[in-house]
């Protein structure tokens, strides 16, 4: 397997998984004369200096090439590095096709399945499974969902439909509705959260977003459908598409999602999960092993015909069971 950019899998083979992953990094002009270790750090910032040193030293054994961390890179050359294929965490690999008409496809993405390749996931991703299931050219995704978010995703089955569908998202002509289980009851029970979002630097968690005065404009409409005891079922309509927007906005209302490790009332839960993984202690406090957010439906002009189109995706069993038995919610996993 070849990785052309950090975290982006090209994955040309769909058969046996290779033991080694090939990482190719092009030396752009601004990196001319840089030390090799410094160049790799600039291109793959998530790698620590010690990990980079180990990777460079390993090339002698993996491909018979002796590289030095202090060696200088040249503009225009391509650096090829090999590394052992990492073990990927298990994820749900089955997804249902809800609609397909030769131009537009809609699928039900299960919670826990990453959409794109990351440092931890390469083949256990939706993009890889799409190629494996449909071959090339495979349907192209027009948007993304967080790994733990379930529900409706739209794809183009032709290149032209894919381009048109992405344009509809850019123009905000795709109107999405999400369902969320939250702690408490948002007040007021119906309204708009119009709060800018940006990186939550104060939290020390790189992936977390927060309400920031100088952040990007973000707007979410919401409505409480029903409340039961300490929980509420809320529908949310994002009018912008910021990272973690619904989760951050509902958290800002004091109604974080059930199971949300990042935007819940106790920020230490996320760090505990990163360090120890899922545990009985976390289960008793989070109630669900994933945040309870589901992409329920979308309405938009059809990317090929322009006809008004609406598609729906039913609530998955884990959220439905929790809501139906909310008085005994802690018994679910």
Protein backbone atom coordinates (compact mmCIF):
# COMPACT_ATOMS: atom_id res chain seq x y z
CA UNK A 1 0.00 0.00 0.00
CA UNK A 2 1.18 3.51 -0.80
CA UNK A 3 0.48 6.58 1.25
CA UNK A 4 1.11 9.73 -0.79
CA UNK A 5 0.21 12.27 1.90
CA UNK A 6 0.20 11.76 5.67
CA UNK A 7 -3.02 10.03 6.69
CA UNK A 8 -4.36 9.67 3.13
CA UNK A 9 -4.54 6.14 1.82
CA UNK A 10 -4.51 5.44 -1.91
CA UNK A 11 -4.93 1.69 -1.34
CA UNK A 12 -4.64 0.33 -4.89
CA UNK A 13 -4.88 -3.30 -3.86
CA UNK A 14 -8.08 -4.83 -2.59
CA UNK A 15 -6.83 -8.34 -1.96
CA UNK A 16 -4.34 -9.45 0.68
CA UNK A 17 -3.08 -6.76 3.01
CA UNK A 18 0.65 -6.05 2.61
CA UNK A 19 2.92 -6.30 5.61
CA UNK A 20 4.54 -2.95 4.82
CA UNK A 21 3.11 0.49 4.10
CA UNK A 22 4.95 2.72 1.68
CA UNK A 23 4.98 6.43 2.51
CA UNK A 24 6.04 8.78 -0.28
CA UNK A 25 6.81 12.40 0.54
CA UNK A 26 7.61 14.91 -2.19
CA UNK A 27 10.19 17.55 -1.28
CA UNK A 28 8.63 20.86 -2.29
CA UNK A 29 10.93 23.82 -2.96
CA UNK A 30 10.47 25.39 0.49
CA UNK A 31 12.11 22.32 2.07
CA UNK A 32 15.28 22.46 -0.06
CA UNK A 33 18.32 21.66 2.09
CA UNK A 34 16.37 20.72 5.22
CA UNK A 35 17.56 17.89 7.46
CA UNK A 36 15.67 14.67 6.70
CA UNK A 37 14.29 14.33 10.23
CA UNK A 38 13.12 17.94 10.28
CA UNK A 39 11.49 17.53 6.85
CA UNK A 40 9.57 14.42 7.96
CA UNK A 41 8.42 16.25 11.09
CA UNK A 42 7.12 19.14 8.95
CA UNK A 43 5.21 16.78 6.67
CA UNK A 44 3.88 14.45 9.38
CA UNK A 45 3.59 16.64 12.50
CA UNK A 46 1.88 13.95 14.59
CA UNK A 47 5.11 11.89 14.69
CA UNK A 48 7.40 12.50 17.64
CA UNK A 49 11.10 13.13 17.07
CA UNK A 50 12.00 9.76 18.58
CA UNK A 51 9.48 7.98 16.32
CA UNK A 52 10.96 9.72 13.28
CA UNK A 53 14.47 8.66 14.31
CA UNK A 54 13.27 5.06 14.65
CA UNK A 55 11.57 5.16 11.26
CA UNK A 56 14.69 6.47 9.54
CA UNK A 57 16.93 3.85 11.16
CA UNK A 58 14.48 1.08 10.20
CA UNK A 59 14.91 1.75 6.46
CA UNK A 60 18.18 -0.19 6.41
CA UNK A 61 16.37 -3.32 7.54
CA UNK A 62 13.12 -2.78 5.63
CA UNK A 63 14.46 -1.72 2.22
CA UNK A 64 18.26 -1.92 2.41
CA UNK A 65 18.66 1.85 2.26
CA UNK A 66 20.87 3.67 4.73
CA UNK A 67 19.38 7.06 5.58
CA UNK A 68 20.74 9.57 8.08
CA UNK A 69 18.54 11.90 10.15
CA UNK A 70 21.01 14.72 9.41
CA UNK A 71 20.99 14.04 5.65
CA UNK A 72 19.80 16.94 3.51
CA UNK A 73 16.79 16.71 1.22
CA UNK A 74 16.68 18.20 -2.28
CA UNK A 75 13.80 20.07 -3.84
CA UNK A 76 11.83 17.91 -6.28
CA UNK A 77 13.00 14.55 -4.97
CA UNK A 78 10.63 11.98 -3.51
CA UNK A 79 11.41 10.38 -0.17
CA UNK A 80 10.17 6.79 0.08
CA UNK A 81 9.81 5.30 3.56
CA UNK A 82 8.57 1.86 4.54
CA UNK A 83 6.97 1.01 7.84
CA UNK A 84 5.23 -2.11 9.20
CA UNK A 85 1.50 -2.12 8.75
CA UNK A 86 -0.03 -1.15 12.13
CA UNK A 87 -2.73 -3.18 13.81
CA UNK A 88 -6.06 -1.48 13.31
CA UNK A 89 -8.79 -1.46 15.96
CA UNK A 90 -11.87 -3.47 15.05
CA UNK A 91 -14.78 -1.47 13.63
CA UNK A 92 -18.20 -2.26 12.13
CA UNK A 93 -17.53 -3.05 8.46
CA UNK A 94 -21.06 -3.55 7.16
CA UNK A 95 -23.18 -0.69 5.85
CA UNK A 96 -26.60 -0.61 4.23
CA UNK A 97 -27.30 1.04 0.88
CA UNK A 98 -30.49 3.04 1.39
CA UNK A 99 -30.81 4.46 -2.12
CA UNK A 100 -29.07 4.08 -5.48
CA UNK A 101 -30.30 5.32 -8.84
CA UNK A 102 -27.13 5.30 -10.95
CA UNK A 103 -26.31 8.91 -10.09
CA UNK A 104 -26.99 9.30 -6.37
CA UNK A 105 -26.33 6.82 -3.59
CA UNK A 106 -27.20 7.06 0.10
CA UNK A 107 -25.86 4.74 2.78
CA UNK A 108 -26.36 4.17 6.49
CA UNK A 109 -22.94 4.56 8.11
CA UNK A 110 -22.66 2.60 11.36
CA UNK A 111 -21.29 4.26 14.48
CA UNK A 112 -17.62 3.44 14.98
CA UNK A 113 -16.66 3.29 11.31
CA UNK A 114 -14.19 6.05 10.32
CA UNK A 115 -14.86 7.72 7.00
CA UNK A 116 -11.27 8.48 5.94
CA UNK A 117 -7.86 7.02 6.68
CA UNK A 118 -6.04 8.33 9.75
CA UNK A 119 -2.95 7.44 11.73
CA UNK A 120 -4.87 4.53 13.34
CA UNK A 121 -7.19 3.44 10.52
CA UNK A 122 -6.30 2.48 6.96
CA UNK A 123 -8.48 -0.40 5.78
CA UNK A 124 -11.11 -0.16 8.48
CA UNK A 125 -12.53 2.96 6.86
CA UNK A 126 -15.59 3.70 4.78
CA UNK A 127 -13.54 4.93 1.81
CA UNK A 128 -11.63 1.64 1.67
CA UNK A 129 -14.78 -0.47 2.11
CA UNK A 130 -16.47 1.43 -0.72
CA UNK A 131 -13.62 0.48 -3.08
CA UNK A 132 -13.69 -3.08 -1.83
CA UNK A 133 -17.45 -3.39 -2.35
CA UNK A 134 -17.95 -1.46 -5.60
CA UNK A 135 -14.53 -1.52 -7.27
CA UNK A 136 -13.15 1.36 -9.30
CA UNK A 137 -14.45 3.88 -9.98
CA UNK A 138 -16.38 3.67 -6.73
CA UNK A 139 -19.04 6.07 -5.43
CA UNK A 140 -17.51 9.28 -4.10
CA UNK A 141 -18.38 10.83 -0.76
CA UNK A 142 -19.73 14.36 -0.79
CA UNK A 143 -19.32 15.02 2.95
CA UNK A 144 -18.23 13.28 6.15
CA UNK A 145 -19.46 12.21 9.56
CA UNK A 146 -17.47 11.79 12.77
CA UNK A 147 -16.43 8.21 13.46
CA UNK A 148 -18.93 7.76 16.31
CA UNK A 149 -21.80 9.47 14.47
CA UNK A 150 -24.16 7.14 12.66
CA UNK A 151 -26.55 7.68 9.81
CA UNK A 152 -27.19 9.05 6.37
CA UNK A 153 -24.30 9.77 4.00
CA UNK A 154 -24.64 10.92 0.39
CA UNK A 155 -22.41 9.81 -2.49
CA UNK A 156 -22.15 10.43 -6.22
CA UNK A 157 -22.20 7.32 -8.39
CA UNK A 158 -20.70 9.15 -11.34
CA UNK A 159 -17.98 11.75 -11.46
CA UNK A 160 -20.43 14.41 -12.64
CA UNK A 161 -22.95 13.60 -9.91
CA UNK A 162 -20.20 13.65 -7.28
CA UNK A 163 -19.04 17.10 -8.37
CA UNK A 164 -22.63 18.40 -8.41
CA UNK A 165 -23.37 16.92 -4.99
CA UNK A 166 -20.30 18.53 -3.43
CA UNK A 167 -21.37 21.85 -4.95
CA UNK A 168 -24.79 21.49 -3.28
CA UNK A 169 -23.07 21.09 0.08
CA UNK A 170 -20.84 24.12 -0.53
CA UNK A 171 -23.87 26.20 -1.48
CA UNK A 172 -25.74 24.98 1.63
CA UNK A 173 -28.56 23.54 -0.43
CA UNK A 174 -28.46 20.23 1.42
CA UNK A 175 -30.67 20.51 4.50
CA UNK A 176 -29.77 17.89 7.11
CA UNK A 177 -31.57 16.84 10.25
CA UNK A 178 -29.84 15.06 13.12
CA UNK A 179 -31.28 13.33 16.16
CA UNK A 180 -29.39 13.52 19.44
CA UNK A 181 -29.88 12.16 22.94
CA UNK A 182 -28.72 14.72 25.47
CA UNK A 183 -28.41 15.13 29.21
CA UNK A 184 -31.01 17.47 30.69
CA UNK A 185 -33.31 19.67 28.65
CA UNK A 186 -32.04 22.56 26.52
CA UNK A 187 -33.56 25.93 27.42
CA UNK A 188 -35.41 27.28 25.60
CA UNK A 189 -36.86 24.06 24.19
CA UNK A 190 -36.59 25.42 20.65
CA UNK A 191 -34.17 27.95 19.27
CA UNK A 192 -30.96 28.78 17.44
CA UNK A 193 -27.39 28.52 18.69
CA UNK A 194 -25.37 31.14 16.84
CA UNK A 195 -21.92 30.89 18.41
CA UNK A 196 -18.55 30.97 16.60
CA UNK A 197 -16.40 27.85 16.90
CA UNK A 198 -12.65 27.41 16.86
CA UNK A 199 -9.98 25.18 18.42
CA UNK A 200 -10.42 24.94 22.18
CA UNK A 201 -6.80 25.76 22.99
CA UNK A 202 -7.45 26.06 26.73
CA UNK A 203 -8.55 22.42 26.96
CA UNK A 204 -5.19 21.14 25.74
CA UNK A 205 -7.02 18.66 23.47
CA UNK A 206 -6.02 19.25 19.87
CA UNK A 207 -9.21 17.91 18.26
CA UNK A 208 -11.66 19.75 20.50
CA UNK A 209 -13.62 22.75 19.28
CA UNK A 210 -15.02 25.45 21.52
CA UNK A 211 -16.98 28.68 21.48
CA UNK A 212 -14.34 31.24 20.53
CA UNK A 213 -14.90 34.98 19.93
CA UNK A 214 -12.59 34.93 16.91
CA UNK A 215 -13.79 31.56 15.63
CA UNK A 216 -15.65 30.61 12.47
CA UNK A 217 -19.34 31.49 12.23
CA UNK A 218 -21.50 28.50 13.26
CA UNK A 219 -25.26 28.27 13.48
CA UNK A 220 -27.47 25.37 14.61
CA UNK A 221 -31.25 25.26 14.93
CA UNK A 222 -32.63 22.77 17.41
CA UNK A 223 -35.89 21.57 18.93
CA UNK A 224 -36.60 19.31 21.89
CA UNK A 225 -38.89 16.51 20.73
CA UNK A 226 -39.39 14.85 24.10
CA UNK A 227 -37.89 14.69 27.59
CA UNK A 228 -37.79 11.64 29.83
CA UNK A 229 -36.34 11.99 33.29
CA UNK A 230 -32.79 13.30 32.98
CA UNK A 231 -32.60 12.98 29.18
CA UNK A 232 -34.06 14.64 26.09
CA UNK A 233 -34.42 13.66 22.45
CA UNK A 234 -33.43 16.66 20.33
CA UNK A 235 -33.49 17.30 16.61
CA UNK A 236 -30.75 19.58 15.27
CA UNK A 237 -30.44 21.35 11.94
CA UNK A 238 -26.89 22.61 11.25
CA UNK A 239 -26.93 25.66 9.00
CA UNK A 240 -23.13 25.68 8.76
CA UNK A 241 -20.74 22.74 8.63
CA UNK A 242 -18.11 23.29 11.30
CA UNK A 243 -16.22 20.44 12.92
CA UNK A 244 -18.17 18.91 15.84
CA UNK A 245 -20.70 21.74 15.46
CA UNK A 246 -23.79 20.07 16.91
CA UNK A 247 -21.84 18.47 19.77
CA UNK A 248 -20.12 21.73 20.70
CA UNK A 249 -23.29 23.83 20.41
CA UNK A 250 -25.46 21.49 22.49
CA UNK A 251 -22.66 21.27 25.04
CA UNK A 252 -22.59 25.06 25.19
CA UNK A 253 -26.33 24.97 26.00
CA UNK A 254 -25.58 22.76 28.99
CA UNK A 255 -27.08 19.70 27.25
CA UNK A 256 -24.15 17.53 26.12
CA UNK A 257 -24.76 14.37 24.15
CA UNK A 258 -25.09 11.09 26.01
CA UNK A 259 -21.83 9.18 25.57
CA UNK A 260 -19.82 12.19 24.42
CA UNK A 261 -16.30 11.87 25.81
CA UNK A 262 -15.14 15.19 24.38
CA UNK A 263 -17.98 17.64 25.01
CA UNK A 264 -19.55 16.11 28.10
CA UNK A 265 -19.54 17.63 31.59
CA UNK A 266 -16.28 15.87 32.57
CA UNK A 267 -13.39 16.57 30.14
CA UNK A 268 -11.18 14.02 31.92
CA UNK A 269 -13.25 11.22 30.36
CA UNK A 270 -11.71 11.79 26.94
CA UNK A 271 -8.17 11.62 28.29
CA UNK A 272 -9.03 8.50 30.27
CA UNK A 273 -10.47 6.88 27.14
CA UNK A 274 -7.36 7.73 25.12
CA UNK A 275 -5.09 6.26 27.79
CA UNK A 276 -7.04 3.15 28.83
CA UNK A 277 -9.70 2.52 26.18
CA UNK A 278 -13.28 1.54 26.94
CA UNK A 279 -13.74 0.30 30.50
CA UNK A 280 -16.51 -0.51 32.96
CA UNK A 281 -15.72 2.69 34.82
CA UNK A 282 -16.22 4.77 31.67
CA UNK A 283 -19.36 2.84 30.76
CA UNK A 284 -21.00 3.64 34.08
CA UNK A 285 -20.36 7.36 33.58
CA UNK A 286 -20.89 7.74 29.83
CA UNK A 287 -23.90 5.37 29.58
CA UNK A 288 -23.20 4.70 25.88
CA UNK A 289 -19.86 3.75 24.31
CA UNK A 290 -20.33 6.40 21.60
CA UNK A 291 -21.90 9.83 21.43
CA UNK A 292 -25.62 9.58 20.68
CA UNK A 293 -25.79 11.54 17.42
CA UNK A 294 -27.47 10.25 14.27
CA UNK A 295 -27.82 11.81 10.80
CA UNK A 296 -31.53 11.13 10.31
CA UNK A 297 -32.48 12.68 6.98
CA UNK A 298 -31.60 15.17 4.27
CA UNK A 299 -33.47 17.09 1.59
CA UNK A 300 -31.82 18.62 -1.50
CA UNK A 301 -32.10 18.96 -5.28
CA UNK A 302 -31.09 15.73 -7.01
CA UNK A 303 -27.52 16.25 -8.32
CA UNK A 304 -28.38 14.94 -11.80
CA UNK A 305 -32.02 15.98 -12.35
CA UNK A 306 -32.55 18.85 -9.91
CA UNK A 307 -35.74 17.19 -8.64
CA UNK A 308 -36.54 17.72 -4.93
CA UNK A 309 -35.17 14.72 -3.07
CA UNK A 310 -35.59 13.59 0.52
CA UNK A 311 -33.90 10.59 2.13
CA UNK A 312 -34.27 9.15 5.62
CA UNK A 313 -32.21 6.88 7.84
CA UNK A 314 -33.83 5.21 10.86
CA UNK A 315 -32.42 5.46 14.37
CA UNK A 316 -29.93 2.65 15.06
CA UNK A 317 -30.70 0.04 17.74
CA UNK A 318 -28.30 1.40 20.39
CA UNK A 319 -29.87 4.87 20.53
CA UNK A 320 -33.39 3.51 20.17
CA UNK A 321 -32.92 1.00 23.02
CA UNK A 322 -31.45 3.66 25.27
CA UNK A 323 -34.37 6.00 24.67
CA UNK A 324 -37.05 3.32 25.06
CA UNK A 325 -35.58 2.19 28.40
CA UNK A 326 -34.08 5.45 29.60
CA UNK A 327 -34.97 4.68 33.22
CA UNK A 328 -32.46 1.83 33.13
CA UNK A 329 -30.00 3.47 30.76
CA UNK A 330 -26.81 2.40 32.54
CA UNK A 331 -27.43 -1.26 31.70
CA UNK A 332 -26.61 -0.74 28.02
CA UNK A 333 -23.26 -1.03 26.28
